[in-house]
Amino acid sequence: MSKVVNAAVEKLNEKIGSFESTAKFVIEDEGSIMIDESGARAADDEAEVTLHASRDTFEGILDGSVNPATAFMTGKLKIDGDMGTAMKLGQALS
């Protein structure tokens, strides 16, 4: 996995609260991150929701400089799957 994915996994594990669903972040040209009840890890498994973003957008979401809802509305964040799970993930990361 890329350095970006490894750094993101570390940051997500610091931030993530309780999350009892499955979600996957796909970072363009970098790789995928799975989030479930055991935390975040570099993986490309099936998930209830998959979020696609560029490296810049993803890093902005993690550091708080990019609002996930705004990124979604402007097409910078694409969501495939269960929107309710995506919203739960947003709450777990805040």
Protein backbone atom coordinates (compact mmCIF):
# COMPACT_ATOMS: atom_id res chain seq x y z
CA MET A 1 0.00 0.00 0.00
CA SER A 2 1.01 3.60 -0.51
CA LYS A 3 2.37 5.91 2.16
CA VAL A 4 -0.84 7.95 1.80
CA VAL A 5 -3.01 4.93 2.65
CA ASN A 6 -0.80 3.91 5.57
CA ALA A 7 -0.86 7.45 7.02
CA ALA A 8 -4.64 7.63 6.51
CA VAL A 9 -5.18 4.31 8.30
CA GLU A 10 -3.20 5.62 11.28
CA LYS A 11 -5.13 8.91 11.35
CA LEU A 12 -8.51 7.16 10.97
CA ASN A 13 -7.72 4.81 13.85
CA GLU A 14 -6.97 7.86 16.02
CA LYS A 15 -10.24 9.59 14.98
CA ILE A 16 -12.74 6.78 14.58
CA GLY A 17 -15.27 6.27 17.29
CA SER A 18 -17.65 3.37 17.40
CA PHE A 19 -18.55 2.10 13.93
CA GLU A 20 -20.53 -1.11 13.60
CA SER A 21 -21.00 -1.13 9.83
CA THR A 22 -18.54 -1.56 6.95
CA ALA A 23 -17.24 1.25 4.78
CA LYS A 24 -14.49 1.57 2.22
CA PHE A 25 -12.60 4.69 1.17
CA VAL A 26 -11.10 4.47 -2.31
CA ILE A 27 -8.40 7.11 -2.74
CA GLU A 28 -7.69 7.68 -6.43
CA ASP A 29 -4.28 6.34 -7.52
CA GLU A 30 -3.41 5.37 -3.91
CA GLY A 31 -5.51 2.42 -2.71
CA SER A 32 -8.38 1.47 -0.43
CA ILE A 33 -9.10 1.63 3.27
CA MET A 34 -11.68 -0.51 5.06
CA ILE A 35 -13.41 0.69 8.22
CA ASP A 36 -15.46 -1.62 10.44
CA GLU A 37 -16.00 -2.45 14.12
CA SER A 38 -12.31 -3.28 14.54
CA GLY A 39 -11.10 0.04 13.10
CA ALA A 40 -9.37 1.05 9.87
CA ARG A 41 -6.98 -1.02 7.78
CA ALA A 42 -5.58 -1.06 4.26
CA ALA A 43 -7.84 -3.45 2.35
CA ASP A 44 -10.21 -3.71 -0.59
CA ASP A 45 -13.07 -5.85 0.76
CA GLU A 46 -16.81 -5.63 0.16
CA ALA A 47 -18.52 -2.87 2.17
CA GLU A 48 -21.99 -1.47 2.81
CA VAL A 49 -20.83 1.87 1.42
CA THR A 50 -17.87 2.88 -0.73
CA LEU A 51 -16.60 6.45 -0.84
CA HIS A 52 -14.40 7.61 -3.75
CA ALA A 53 -12.27 10.75 -3.55
CA SER A 54 -8.98 12.24 -4.70
CA ARG A 55 -6.05 12.30 -2.32
CA ASP A 56 -6.52 16.05 -1.70
CA THR A 57 -10.23 15.69 -0.93
CA PHE A 58 -9.68 12.71 1.34
CA GLU A 59 -6.87 14.41 3.26
CA GLY A 60 -9.04 17.52 3.61
CA ILE A 61 -11.87 15.46 5.07
CA LEU A 62 -9.45 13.91 7.56
CA ASP A 63 -7.90 17.20 8.67
CA GLY A 64 -11.24 19.03 8.78
CA SER A 65 -10.52 21.53 5.99
CA VAL A 66 -13.05 19.87 3.65
CA ASN A 67 -16.66 19.34 4.68
CA PRO A 68 -17.76 15.85 3.54
CA ALA A 69 -21.29 17.04 2.69
CA THR A 70 -19.94 19.89 0.57
CA ALA A 71 -17.47 17.53 -1.13
CA PHE A 72 -20.36 15.20 -1.96
CA MET A 73 -22.60 18.00 -3.26
CA THR A 74 -19.81 19.35 -5.49
CA GLY A 75 -18.91 15.93 -6.88
CA LYS A 76 -15.52 15.69 -5.16
CA LEU A 77 -16.75 12.78 -3.01
CA LYS A 78 -18.72 10.00 -4.65
CA ILE A 79 -20.74 7.54 -2.58
CA ASP A 80 -21.86 4.10 -3.73
CA GLY A 81 -24.08 2.03 -1.48
CA ASP A 82 -26.01 2.77 1.68
CA MET A 83 -26.27 6.51 2.34
CA GLY A 84 -27.29 5.85 5.97
CA THR A 85 -24.00 4.04 6.56
CA ALA A 86 -22.14 6.96 5.00
CA MET A 87 -23.85 9.31 7.44
CA LYS A 88 -22.97 7.02 10.38
CA LEU A 89 -19.34 7.10 9.23
CA GLY A 90 -19.41 10.89 9.17
CA GLN A 91 -20.67 10.92 12.76
CA ALA A 92 -18.06 8.37 13.86
CA LEU A 93 -15.28 10.53 12.40
CA SER A 94 -16.41 13.79 13.98
